[in-house]
N, C-alpha and C. Protein backbone atom coordinates (compact mmCIF):
# COMPACT_ATOMS: atom_id res chain seq x y z
N MET A 1 -6.51 19.29 68.23
CA MET A 1 -5.31 18.64 68.70
C MET A 1 -5.51 18.10 70.12
N LEU A 2 -6.25 18.83 70.96
CA LEU A 2 -6.46 18.38 72.33
C LEU A 2 -7.15 17.02 72.37
N ALA A 3 -8.02 16.76 71.40
CA ALA A 3 -8.71 15.46 71.34
C ALA A 3 -7.72 14.32 71.13
N GLU A 4 -6.59 14.58 70.49
CA GLU A 4 -5.56 13.56 70.29
C GLU A 4 -4.61 13.49 71.47
N VAL A 5 -4.35 14.62 72.11
CA VAL A 5 -3.40 14.67 73.22
C VAL A 5 -3.98 14.05 74.49
N GLU A 6 -5.27 14.27 74.74
CA GLU A 6 -5.87 13.80 75.98
C GLU A 6 -5.73 12.29 76.18
N PRO A 7 -6.08 11.45 75.19
CA PRO A 7 -5.87 10.02 75.42
C PRO A 7 -4.39 9.65 75.53
N ALA A 8 -3.53 10.38 74.84
CA ALA A 8 -2.09 10.09 74.90
C ALA A 8 -1.54 10.38 76.30
N ILE A 9 -1.98 11.46 76.92
CA ILE A 9 -1.48 11.78 78.27
C ILE A 9 -2.06 10.79 79.28
N GLY A 10 -3.31 10.37 79.09
CA GLY A 10 -3.89 9.35 79.96
C GLY A 10 -3.13 8.04 79.87
N GLU A 11 -2.76 7.66 78.66
CA GLU A 11 -1.97 6.43 78.46
C GLU A 11 -0.59 6.56 79.10
N ALA A 12 0.04 7.71 78.98
CA ALA A 12 1.36 7.91 79.58
C ALA A 12 1.28 7.82 81.10
N ILE A 13 0.23 8.37 81.68
CA ILE A 13 0.04 8.28 83.13
C ILE A 13 -0.12 6.82 83.55
N ARG A 14 -0.92 6.06 82.81
CA ARG A 14 -1.13 4.64 83.11
C ARG A 14 0.18 3.87 83.01
N LEU A 15 0.95 4.14 81.95
CA LEU A 15 2.22 3.44 81.75
C LEU A 15 3.23 3.79 82.84
N LYS A 16 3.23 5.05 83.27
CA LYS A 16 4.16 5.44 84.34
C LYS A 16 3.82 4.69 85.63
N ALA A 17 2.54 4.61 85.96
CA ALA A 17 2.12 3.89 87.17
C ALA A 17 2.49 2.42 87.09
N GLU A 18 2.29 1.82 85.92
CA GLU A 18 2.62 0.42 85.71
C GLU A 18 4.13 0.18 85.88
N PHE A 19 4.93 1.05 85.28
CA PHE A 19 6.38 0.96 85.43
C PHE A 19 6.79 1.08 86.90
N GLN A 20 6.21 2.05 87.59
CA GLN A 20 6.58 2.27 88.99
C GLN A 20 6.21 1.07 89.86
N ARG A 21 5.06 0.44 89.59
CA ARG A 21 4.68 -0.77 90.34
C ARG A 21 5.70 -1.89 90.12
N ALA A 22 6.08 -2.11 88.85
CA ALA A 22 7.04 -3.18 88.54
C ALA A 22 8.39 -2.88 89.19
N GLU A 23 8.82 -1.63 89.13
CA GLU A 23 10.11 -1.25 89.73
C GLU A 23 10.07 -1.44 91.25
N LEU A 24 8.98 -1.07 91.89
CA LEU A 24 8.85 -1.25 93.34
C LEU A 24 8.88 -2.74 93.71
N GLU A 25 8.19 -3.57 92.94
CA GLU A 25 8.20 -5.01 93.20
C GLU A 25 9.62 -5.57 93.11
N LEU A 26 10.36 -5.15 92.11
CA LEU A 26 11.74 -5.61 91.96
C LEU A 26 12.60 -5.15 93.13
N GLN A 27 12.43 -3.91 93.55
CA GLN A 27 13.20 -3.40 94.69
C GLN A 27 12.88 -4.18 95.96
N GLN A 28 11.61 -4.49 96.16
CA GLN A 28 11.21 -5.25 97.35
C GLN A 28 11.82 -6.65 97.34
N ILE A 29 11.82 -7.29 96.18
CA ILE A 29 12.42 -8.63 96.07
C ILE A 29 13.92 -8.55 96.34
N ARG A 30 14.58 -7.58 95.74
CA ARG A 30 16.03 -7.43 95.97
C ARG A 30 16.33 -7.19 97.45
N HIS A 31 15.52 -6.35 98.08
CA HIS A 31 15.71 -6.06 99.50
C HIS A 31 15.50 -7.34 100.32
N HIS A 32 14.46 -8.10 100.01
CA HIS A 32 14.19 -9.35 100.72
C HIS A 32 15.35 -10.33 100.56
N ILE A 33 15.87 -10.46 99.36
CA ILE A 33 17.00 -11.36 99.10
C ILE A 33 18.22 -10.92 99.91
N THR A 34 18.48 -9.61 99.91
CA THR A 34 19.64 -9.08 100.64
C THR A 34 19.49 -9.32 102.14
N MET A 35 18.30 -9.04 102.67
CA MET A 35 18.07 -9.19 104.11
C MET A 35 18.04 -10.66 104.54
N SER A 36 17.72 -11.55 103.61
CA SER A 36 17.64 -12.98 103.92
C SER A 36 18.96 -13.69 103.67
N GLY A 37 19.95 -12.99 103.23
CA GLY A 37 21.25 -13.59 102.97
C GLY A 37 21.26 -14.44 101.73
N GLY A 38 20.43 -14.10 100.74
CA GLY A 38 20.44 -14.81 99.46
C GLY A 38 19.45 -15.96 99.42
N VAL A 39 18.22 -15.70 99.75
CA VAL A 39 17.17 -16.72 99.77
C VAL A 39 16.93 -17.29 98.37
N GLN A 40 16.51 -18.54 98.32
CA GLN A 40 16.11 -19.17 97.06
C GLN A 40 14.81 -18.51 96.60
N MET A 41 14.71 -18.27 95.30
CA MET A 41 13.49 -17.67 94.78
C MET A 41 13.17 -18.25 93.41
N ASP A 42 11.95 -18.01 92.99
CA ASP A 42 11.50 -18.43 91.67
C ASP A 42 12.09 -17.46 90.64
N ARG A 43 13.11 -17.93 89.95
CA ARG A 43 13.81 -17.08 88.98
C ARG A 43 12.89 -16.63 87.85
N SER A 44 11.98 -17.48 87.41
CA SER A 44 11.11 -17.13 86.29
C SER A 44 10.21 -15.94 86.63
N SER A 45 9.70 -15.86 87.86
CA SER A 45 8.86 -14.70 88.20
C SER A 45 9.69 -13.43 88.32
N PHE A 46 10.93 -13.55 88.79
CA PHE A 46 11.81 -12.38 88.85
C PHE A 46 12.10 -11.88 87.43
N VAL A 47 12.40 -12.79 86.52
CA VAL A 47 12.66 -12.43 85.12
C VAL A 47 11.43 -11.79 84.51
N GLU A 48 10.25 -12.32 84.81
CA GLU A 48 9.00 -11.75 84.29
C GLU A 48 8.78 -10.33 84.81
N MET A 49 9.07 -10.10 86.09
CA MET A 49 8.94 -8.74 86.65
C MET A 49 9.90 -7.78 85.96
N LYS A 50 11.13 -8.24 85.73
CA LYS A 50 12.10 -7.38 85.03
C LYS A 50 11.62 -7.09 83.61
N ARG A 51 11.06 -8.09 82.94
CA ARG A 51 10.55 -7.89 81.59
C ARG A 51 9.42 -6.86 81.60
N ARG A 52 8.50 -6.98 82.57
CA ARG A 52 7.40 -6.02 82.69
C ARG A 52 7.92 -4.61 82.92
N ARG A 53 8.91 -4.48 83.78
CA ARG A 53 9.49 -3.16 84.06
C ARG A 53 10.15 -2.60 82.81
N ASP A 54 10.95 -3.41 82.13
CA ASP A 54 11.67 -2.94 80.94
C ASP A 54 10.72 -2.59 79.80
N THR A 55 9.69 -3.41 79.63
CA THR A 55 8.68 -3.12 78.61
C THR A 55 7.94 -1.84 78.97
N GLY A 56 7.64 -1.69 80.24
CA GLY A 56 6.93 -0.49 80.70
C GLY A 56 7.70 0.78 80.42
N ILE A 57 9.00 0.79 80.66
CA ILE A 57 9.78 2.01 80.42
C ILE A 57 9.88 2.29 78.93
N THR A 58 9.99 1.24 78.12
CA THR A 58 10.04 1.44 76.66
C THR A 58 8.73 2.03 76.16
N GLU A 59 7.61 1.49 76.63
CA GLU A 59 6.30 2.00 76.22
C GLU A 59 6.07 3.42 76.73
N LEU A 60 6.52 3.71 77.95
CA LEU A 60 6.38 5.06 78.50
C LEU A 60 7.17 6.07 77.68
N LYS A 61 8.39 5.73 77.32
CA LYS A 61 9.20 6.63 76.49
C LYS A 61 8.51 6.90 75.15
N ALA A 62 7.93 5.87 74.55
CA ALA A 62 7.23 6.04 73.28
C ALA A 62 6.00 6.94 73.45
N ALA A 63 5.28 6.77 74.56
CA ALA A 63 4.10 7.61 74.82
C ALA A 63 4.50 9.07 75.00
N ILE A 64 5.60 9.30 75.70
CA ILE A 64 6.08 10.67 75.91
C ILE A 64 6.51 11.29 74.58
N GLU A 65 7.22 10.52 73.76
CA GLU A 65 7.62 11.02 72.44
C GLU A 65 6.40 11.34 71.59
N HIS A 66 5.35 10.53 71.69
CA HIS A 66 4.11 10.78 70.95
C HIS A 66 3.49 12.11 71.39
N ILE A 67 3.45 12.36 72.68
CA ILE A 67 2.91 13.62 73.20
C ILE A 67 3.77 14.79 72.72
N HIS A 68 5.07 14.65 72.77
CA HIS A 68 5.97 15.71 72.29
C HIS A 68 5.78 15.98 70.80
N SER A 69 5.38 14.96 70.04
CA SER A 69 5.20 15.15 68.60
C SER A 69 4.08 16.14 68.29
N PHE A 70 3.20 16.41 69.24
CA PHE A 70 2.15 17.41 69.07
C PHE A 70 2.66 18.81 69.40
N GLY A 71 3.90 18.91 69.84
CA GLY A 71 4.46 20.20 70.24
C GLY A 71 4.20 20.53 71.70
N CYS A 72 3.76 19.55 72.47
CA CYS A 72 3.44 19.75 73.89
C CYS A 72 4.68 19.53 74.76
N LEU A 73 4.68 20.20 75.89
CA LEU A 73 5.70 19.99 76.91
C LEU A 73 5.01 19.38 78.12
N ILE A 74 5.46 18.22 78.55
CA ILE A 74 4.88 17.59 79.74
C ILE A 74 5.49 18.26 80.96
N LYS A 75 4.62 18.83 81.79
CA LYS A 75 5.08 19.51 82.99
C LYS A 75 4.95 18.66 84.24
N ASP A 76 3.88 17.85 84.31
CA ASP A 76 3.68 16.98 85.46
C ASP A 76 2.87 15.78 85.00
N LEU A 77 3.54 14.67 84.82
CA LEU A 77 2.88 13.48 84.31
C LEU A 77 1.94 12.86 85.35
N ASP A 78 2.20 13.10 86.63
CA ASP A 78 1.33 12.53 87.66
C ASP A 78 -0.09 13.08 87.58
N ILE A 79 -0.24 14.34 87.21
CA ILE A 79 -1.58 14.94 87.14
C ILE A 79 -2.00 15.24 85.70
N GLY A 80 -1.15 14.91 84.73
CA GLY A 80 -1.51 15.13 83.33
C GLY A 80 -1.45 16.59 82.93
N LEU A 81 -0.43 17.30 83.40
CA LEU A 81 -0.29 18.73 83.12
C LEU A 81 0.66 18.92 81.94
N ILE A 82 0.16 19.61 80.90
CA ILE A 82 0.99 19.88 79.73
C ILE A 82 0.86 21.33 79.31
N ASP A 83 1.89 21.83 78.66
CA ASP A 83 1.91 23.18 78.12
C ASP A 83 2.11 23.11 76.61
N PHE A 84 1.57 24.13 75.93
CA PHE A 84 1.73 24.28 74.50
C PHE A 84 2.40 25.62 74.25
N PRO A 85 3.61 25.65 73.72
CA PRO A 85 4.25 26.95 73.44
C PRO A 85 3.44 27.73 72.41
N THR A 86 3.34 29.02 72.64
CA THR A 86 2.64 29.93 71.73
C THR A 86 3.24 31.32 71.88
N LEU A 87 2.80 32.25 71.06
CA LEU A 87 3.31 33.62 71.11
C LEU A 87 2.21 34.58 71.56
N LEU A 88 2.58 35.48 72.43
CA LEU A 88 1.71 36.56 72.89
C LEU A 88 2.52 37.85 72.80
N ARG A 89 2.08 38.75 71.91
CA ARG A 89 2.82 40.01 71.67
C ARG A 89 4.28 39.74 71.34
N GLY A 90 4.54 38.69 70.58
CA GLY A 90 5.88 38.38 70.12
C GLY A 90 6.77 37.65 71.11
N ARG A 91 6.28 37.35 72.29
CA ARG A 91 7.09 36.60 73.27
C ARG A 91 6.46 35.25 73.51
N GLU A 92 7.32 34.27 73.78
CA GLU A 92 6.82 32.92 74.01
C GLU A 92 6.14 32.83 75.37
N VAL A 93 4.95 32.24 75.37
CA VAL A 93 4.22 31.90 76.59
C VAL A 93 3.67 30.49 76.38
N TYR A 94 3.04 29.96 77.41
CA TYR A 94 2.49 28.61 77.30
C TYR A 94 0.98 28.62 77.51
N LEU A 95 0.29 27.95 76.60
CA LEU A 95 -1.08 27.56 76.86
C LEU A 95 -0.98 26.38 77.82
N CYS A 96 -1.86 26.31 78.79
CA CYS A 96 -1.72 25.33 79.87
C CYS A 96 -2.99 24.50 79.97
N TRP A 97 -2.84 23.18 80.02
CA TRP A 97 -3.98 22.28 80.13
C TRP A 97 -3.65 21.15 81.07
N LYS A 98 -4.65 20.74 81.85
CA LYS A 98 -4.51 19.64 82.79
C LYS A 98 -5.59 18.61 82.48
N LEU A 99 -5.21 17.35 82.51
CA LEU A 99 -6.15 16.26 82.26
C LEU A 99 -7.40 16.46 83.11
N GLY A 100 -8.55 16.35 82.46
CA GLY A 100 -9.81 16.55 83.14
C GLY A 100 -10.45 17.90 82.85
N GLU A 101 -9.65 18.88 82.44
CA GLU A 101 -10.21 20.17 82.05
C GLU A 101 -10.89 20.01 80.70
N THR A 102 -11.97 20.74 80.49
CA THR A 102 -12.77 20.57 79.28
C THR A 102 -12.13 21.15 78.03
N GLY A 103 -11.17 22.00 78.19
CA GLY A 103 -10.48 22.61 77.06
C GLY A 103 -9.32 23.44 77.56
N ILE A 104 -8.62 24.06 76.62
CA ILE A 104 -7.50 24.93 77.01
C ILE A 104 -8.08 26.28 77.38
N GLN A 105 -8.02 26.61 78.66
CA GLN A 105 -8.63 27.83 79.17
C GLN A 105 -7.62 28.76 79.85
N PHE A 106 -6.35 28.31 79.98
CA PHE A 106 -5.38 29.08 80.74
C PHE A 106 -4.07 29.22 79.97
N TRP A 107 -3.30 30.22 80.37
CA TRP A 107 -1.96 30.43 79.83
C TRP A 107 -1.10 30.97 80.96
N HIS A 108 0.21 30.91 80.76
CA HIS A 108 1.14 31.51 81.73
C HIS A 108 2.46 31.80 81.05
N GLY A 109 3.23 32.68 81.65
CA GLY A 109 4.56 32.99 81.13
C GLY A 109 5.49 31.80 81.29
N VAL A 110 6.55 31.80 80.52
CA VAL A 110 7.51 30.69 80.53
C VAL A 110 8.09 30.46 81.93
N ASP A 111 8.30 31.52 82.68
CA ASP A 111 8.91 31.41 84.01
C ASP A 111 7.90 31.34 85.15
N GLU A 112 6.60 31.33 84.83
CA GLU A 112 5.60 31.39 85.89
C GLU A 112 5.11 30.03 86.36
N GLY A 113 4.94 29.10 85.47
CA GLY A 113 4.45 27.78 85.85
C GLY A 113 2.98 27.77 86.19
N PHE A 114 2.53 26.60 86.68
CA PHE A 114 1.12 26.35 86.96
C PHE A 114 0.51 27.39 87.89
N GLY A 115 1.26 27.79 88.89
CA GLY A 115 0.77 28.77 89.87
C GLY A 115 0.48 30.14 89.26
N GLY A 116 1.08 30.43 88.11
CA GLY A 116 0.88 31.72 87.46
C GLY A 116 -0.16 31.68 86.35
N ARG A 117 -0.97 30.62 86.31
CA ARG A 117 -1.96 30.50 85.24
C ARG A 117 -2.94 31.66 85.26
N LYS A 118 -3.24 32.13 84.06
CA LYS A 118 -4.21 33.19 83.87
C LYS A 118 -5.26 32.70 82.89
N THR A 119 -6.47 33.16 83.05
CA THR A 119 -7.55 32.78 82.14
C THR A 119 -7.32 33.41 80.78
N ILE A 120 -7.56 32.62 79.74
CA ILE A 120 -7.50 33.16 78.38
C ILE A 120 -8.71 34.07 78.22
N ASP A 121 -8.44 35.35 77.99
CA ASP A 121 -9.51 36.32 77.87
C ASP A 121 -9.45 37.02 76.52
N HIS A 122 -10.31 38.03 76.33
CA HIS A 122 -10.34 38.75 75.05
C HIS A 122 -9.01 39.42 74.74
N GLU A 123 -8.36 39.98 75.76
CA GLU A 123 -7.05 40.64 75.56
C GLU A 123 -6.03 39.65 75.05
N PHE A 124 -6.00 38.45 75.66
CA PHE A 124 -5.08 37.41 75.20
C PHE A 124 -5.37 37.04 73.75
N LEU A 125 -6.62 36.78 73.45
CA LEU A 125 -7.01 36.36 72.11
C LEU A 125 -6.68 37.43 71.07
N ALA A 126 -6.81 38.69 71.43
CA ALA A 126 -6.54 39.78 70.50
C ALA A 126 -5.05 39.91 70.19
N ASN A 127 -4.20 39.45 71.11
CA ASN A 127 -2.75 39.61 70.96
C ASN A 127 -2.00 38.30 70.72
N HIS A 128 -2.73 37.23 70.61
CA HIS A 128 -2.15 35.91 70.40
C HIS A 128 -1.89 35.73 68.92
N ARG A 129 -0.72 35.21 68.58
CA ARG A 129 -0.35 35.08 67.17
C ARG A 129 0.06 33.67 66.76
N GLY A 130 -0.54 32.65 67.32
CA GLY A 130 -0.23 31.28 66.89
C GLY A 130 0.87 30.65 67.68
N ASP A 131 1.24 29.44 67.24
CA ASP A 131 2.23 28.71 68.02
C ASP A 131 3.62 29.29 67.85
N ALA A 132 4.48 29.00 68.82
CA ALA A 132 5.82 29.58 68.88
C ALA A 132 6.71 29.11 67.75
N ALA A 133 6.37 28.01 67.12
CA ALA A 133 7.21 27.48 66.04
C ALA A 133 7.08 28.31 64.76
N ASN A 134 6.02 29.10 64.64
CA ASN A 134 5.80 29.89 63.43
C ASN A 134 6.61 31.17 63.43
């Protein structure tokens, strides 16, 4: 599953950056127009920027839904951090993976977050019982 999730999270990161660039460009143009008292501008380029921004948010939402379809929870899209709900001794915990890591090597409690990551060890493997949906 990680082989399918990794490119999806990379694409979502790219789409988020693209959306943010388009949104910033629009904000800068609006600010310039406001500060200039309504300057004349090329309407077609403004419309194109809005189209890029709107398309970007639509594509980003689709990418996020695709990632969620694997049962993943996106924790930080800027760094590609995702969690996979699973069970450990009958309680829900998260397997934790960050873009660039070679595999899923860490887990943490639901309330612990990234800072509470622990290495998946023999004790974890002996008491792990599959994903939380089962």
